[in-house]
Amino acid sequence: MKISHSKSPLANVVKGAAALAAGVTLAIANPTSASADSGHWIYVTGGKAMFSGSNITVCDTAVDGNRVRAQLMSNTSTIYFTGWAPSQGCITEGHPTSIVQFRVCTENIGCSAWHNRY
């Protein structure tokens, strides 16, 4: 008598869904863990931002009444602010190379961690 250890197709679907849910939970719990060098999005609840070359794009990703903008830190530690992104929209602004770090902030919620621009 041969004993089979294969699982039913439904068991494989359930196992895959559990793994996906664990990954989504990890991504939500730590949304800024990925590298945020130029060309990578950084996230905060309701918004995101990315430097690409000399431009920063800031997006408001939720219709919740909270505006989104980025804070920019220069090489002299001076803090600058971008304009507010429109609700469920994005703005793109040019900034000099003296900006070395940035973070994205949602009004009434908070900001991501600071990330290096380069």
C-alpha atoms as a PDB file:
ATOM      1  CA  MET A   1       0.000   0.000   0.000  1.00  0.00           C
ATOM      2  CA  LYS A   2       1.433   3.351  -1.046  1.00  0.00           C
ATOM      3  CA  ILE A   3       0.762   6.373   1.180  1.00  0.00           C
ATOM      4  CA  SER A   4       0.329   9.659  -0.636  1.00  0.00           C
ATOM      5  CA  HIS A   5       1.417  12.904   1.033  1.00  0.00           C
ATOM      6  CA  SER A   6       0.108  15.238  -1.639  1.00  0.00           C
ATOM      7  CA  LYS A   7      -2.355  17.890  -0.556  1.00  0.00           C
ATOM      8  CA  SER A   8      -5.589  18.663  -2.247  1.00  0.00           C
ATOM      9  CA  PRO A   9      -5.710  21.663  -4.616  1.00  0.00           C
ATOM     10  CA  LEU A  10      -7.868  23.482  -2.044  1.00  0.00           C
ATOM     11  CA  ALA A  11      -5.192  23.008   0.643  1.00  0.00           C
ATOM     12  CA  ASN A  12      -2.593  24.552  -1.702  1.00  0.00           C
ATOM     13  CA  VAL A  13      -4.888  27.553  -2.328  1.00  0.00           C
ATOM     14  CA  VAL A  14      -5.432  28.047   1.411  1.00  0.00           C
ATOM     15  CA  LYS A  15      -1.677  27.789   2.078  1.00  0.00           C
ATOM     16  CA  GLY A  16      -0.945  30.328  -0.700  1.00  0.00           C
ATOM     17  CA  ALA A  17      -3.589  32.737   0.610  1.00  0.00           C
ATOM     18  CA  ALA A  18      -2.127  32.531   4.118  1.00  0.00           C
ATOM     19  CA  ALA A  19       1.364  33.309   2.788  1.00  0.00           C
ATOM     20  CA  LEU A  20       0.005  36.256   0.787  1.00  0.00           C
ATOM     21  CA  ALA A  21      -1.839  37.609   3.829  1.00  0.00           C
ATOM     22  CA  ALA A  22       1.342  37.381   5.919  1.00  0.00           C
ATOM     23  CA  GLY A  23       3.276  39.300   3.240  1.00  0.00           C
ATOM     24  CA  VAL A  24       0.603  41.998   3.019  1.00  0.00           C
ATOM     25  CA  THR A  25       0.561  42.343   6.810  1.00  0.00           C
ATOM     26  CA  LEU A  26       4.353  42.760   6.844  1.00  0.00           C
ATOM     27  CA  ALA A  27       4.202  45.377   4.067  1.00  0.00           C
ATOM     28  CA  ILE A  28       1.532  47.376   5.896  1.00  0.00           C
ATOM     29  CA  ALA A  29       3.311  47.138   9.239  1.00  0.00           C
ATOM     30  CA  ASN A  30       6.629  48.363   7.803  1.00  0.00           C
ATOM     31  CA  PRO A  31       5.927  50.277   4.572  1.00  0.00           C
ATOM     32  CA  THR A  32       9.215  52.222   4.496  1.00  0.00           C
ATOM     33  CA  SER A  33      11.633  49.336   4.966  1.00  0.00           C
ATOM     34  CA  ALA A  34      12.670  49.256   1.307  1.00  0.00           C
ATOM     35  CA  SER A  35      15.513  51.354  -0.043  1.00  0.00           C
ATOM     36  CA  ALA A  36      14.366  54.819  -1.017  1.00  0.00           C
ATOM     37  CA  ASP A  37      17.254  55.995  -3.171  1.00  0.00           C
ATOM     38  CA  SER A  38      16.404  58.117  -6.182  1.00  0.00           C
ATOM     39  CA  GLY A  39      13.794  56.334  -8.274  1.00  0.00           C
ATOM     40  CA  HIS A  40      12.112  54.402  -5.426  1.00  0.00           C
ATOM     41  CA  TRP A  41       8.780  55.297  -3.812  1.00  0.00           C
ATOM     42  CA  ILE A  42       8.517  55.856  -0.084  1.00  0.00           C
ATOM     43  CA  TYR A  43       5.118  55.506   1.547  1.00  0.00           C
ATOM     44  CA  VAL A  44       3.059  56.831   4.421  1.00  0.00           C
ATOM     45  CA  THR A  45      -0.625  56.207   5.102  1.00  0.00           C
ATOM     46  CA  GLY A  46      -2.462  58.092   2.348  1.00  0.00           C
ATOM     47  CA  GLY A  47       0.574  59.146   0.322  1.00  0.00           C
ATOM     48  CA  LYS A  48       3.868  58.430  -1.394  1.00  0.00           C
ATOM     49  CA  ALA A  49       6.883  60.319  -2.778  1.00  0.00           C
ATOM     50  CA  MET A  50       9.828  59.618  -5.069  1.00  0.00           C
ATOM     51  CA  PHE A  51      12.897  61.511  -6.277  1.00  0.00           C
ATOM     52  CA  SER A  52      13.809  60.940  -9.900  1.00  0.00           C
ATOM     53  CA  GLY A  53      16.811  62.935 -11.044  1.00  0.00           C
ATOM     54  CA  SER A  54      16.227  66.518  -9.891  1.00  0.00           C
ATOM     55  CA  ASN A  55      12.437  66.113  -9.572  1.00  0.00           C
ATOM     56  CA  ILE A  56      10.350  64.929  -6.649  1.00  0.00           C
ATOM     57  CA  THR A  57       6.865  63.542  -7.221  1.00  0.00           C
ATOM     58  CA  VAL A  58       4.426  63.560  -4.300  1.00  0.00           C
ATOM     59  CA  CYS A  59       1.075  61.759  -4.495  1.00  0.00           C
ATOM     60  CA  ASP A  60      -2.045  61.782  -2.326  1.00  0.00           C
ATOM     61  CA  THR A  61      -3.392  58.245  -2.593  1.00  0.00           C
ATOM     62  CA  ALA A  62      -6.527  58.498  -0.440  1.00  0.00           C
ATOM     63  CA  VAL A  63      -9.700  60.562  -0.365  1.00  0.00           C
ATOM     64  CA  ASP A  64      -9.675  61.133   3.383  1.00  0.00           C
ATOM     65  CA  GLY A  65      -9.443  64.916   3.785  1.00  0.00           C
ATOM     66  CA  ASN A  66      -5.748  64.757   4.735  1.00  0.00           C
ATOM     67  CA  ARG A  67      -3.329  66.474   2.369  1.00  0.00           C
ATOM     68  CA  VAL A  68       0.081  65.028   1.454  1.00  0.00           C
ATOM     69  CA  ARG A  69       3.425  66.756   0.831  1.00  0.00           C
ATOM     70  CA  ALA A  70       7.130  66.029   1.239  1.00  0.00           C
ATOM     71  CA  GLN A  71       9.697  67.527   3.554  1.00  0.00           C
ATOM     72  CA  LEU A  72      13.142  68.014   2.070  1.00  0.00           C
ATOM     73  CA  MET A  73      16.408  68.394   4.003  1.00  0.00           C
ATOM     74  CA  SER A  74      19.375  70.199   2.458  1.00  0.00           C
ATOM     75  CA  ASN A  75      23.028  69.447   3.075  1.00  0.00           C
ATOM     76  CA  THR A  76      22.961  72.322   5.639  1.00  0.00           C
ATOM     77  CA  SER A  77      20.046  70.656   7.523  1.00  0.00           C
ATOM     78  CA  THR A  78      17.564  73.301   6.335  1.00  0.00           C
ATOM     79  CA  ILE A  79      14.046  71.853   5.931  1.00  0.00           C
ATOM     80  CA  TYR A  80      11.950  72.750   2.880  1.00  0.00           C
ATOM     81  CA  PHE A  81       8.419  71.676   1.934  1.00  0.00           C
ATOM     82  CA  THR A  82       6.869  70.751  -1.392  1.00  0.00           C
ATOM     83  CA  GLY A  83       3.418  71.939  -2.344  1.00  0.00           C
ATOM     84  CA  TRP A  84       0.393  69.860  -1.377  1.00  0.00           C
ATOM     85  CA  ALA A  85      -0.551  67.050  -3.768  1.00  0.00           C
ATOM     86  CA  PRO A  86      -4.142  67.189  -5.010  1.00  0.00           C
ATOM     87  CA  SER A  87      -6.583  64.607  -3.633  1.00  0.00           C
ATOM     88  CA  GLN A  88      -5.883  61.306  -5.425  1.00  0.00           C
ATOM     89  CA  GLY A  89      -3.344  63.106  -7.604  1.00  0.00           C
ATOM     90  CA  CYS A  90       0.344  63.935  -7.845  1.00  0.00           C
ATOM     91  CA  ILE A  91       2.585  66.969  -8.132  1.00  0.00           C
ATOM     92  CA  THR A  92       6.124  67.066  -9.485  1.00  0.00           C
ATOM     93  CA  GLU A  93       8.634  69.746  -8.508  1.00  0.00           C
ATOM     94  CA  GLY A  94      12.282  70.318  -9.364  1.00  0.00           C
ATOM     95  CA  HIS A  95      14.793  70.668  -6.530  1.00  0.00           C
ATOM     96  CA  PRO A  96      18.559  71.339  -6.412  1.00  0.00           C
ATOM     97  CA  THR A  97      21.185  68.719  -5.680  1.00  0.00           C
ATOM     98  CA  SER A  98      21.684  70.262  -2.219  1.00  0.00           C
ATOM     99  CA  ILE A  99      18.605  68.280  -1.084  1.00  0.00           C
ATOM    100  CA  VAL A 100      20.058  65.135   0.488  1.00  0.00           C
ATOM    101  CA  GLN A 101      17.109  63.581   2.369  1.00  0.00           C
ATOM    102  CA  PHE A 102      13.334  63.562   2.086  1.00  0.00           C
ATOM    103  CA  ARG A 103      10.222  62.120   3.674  1.00  0.00           C
ATOM    104  CA  VAL A 104       6.539  62.092   2.807  1.00  0.00           C
ATOM    105  CA  CYS A 105       3.958  63.442   5.253  1.00  0.00           C
ATOM    106  CA  THR A 106       0.193  63.110   5.511  1.00  0.00           C
ATOM    107  CA  GLU A 107      -1.639  65.903   7.303  1.00  0.00           C
ATOM    108  CA  ASN A 108      -3.081  64.823  10.686  1.00  0.00           C
ATOM    109  CA  ILE A 109      -1.411  61.390  10.381  1.00  0.00           C
ATOM    110  CA  GLY A 110       2.362  61.817  10.314  1.00  0.00           C
ATOM    111  CA  CYS A 111       5.493  61.305   8.246  1.00  0.00           C
ATOM    112  CA  SER A 112       7.599  58.445   6.978  1.00  0.00           C
ATOM    113  CA  ALA A 113      11.179  58.049   8.134  1.00  0.00           C
ATOM    114  CA  TRP A 114      13.817  60.228   6.463  1.00  0.00           C
ATOM    115  CA  HIS A 115      15.352  58.652   3.347  1.00  0.00           C
ATOM    116  CA  ASN A 116      18.501  59.486   1.446  1.00  0.00           C
ATOM    117  CA  ARG A 117      17.877  61.089  -1.910  1.00  0.00           C
ATOM    118  CA  TYR A 118      20.860  59.396  -3.542  1.00  0.00           C
END
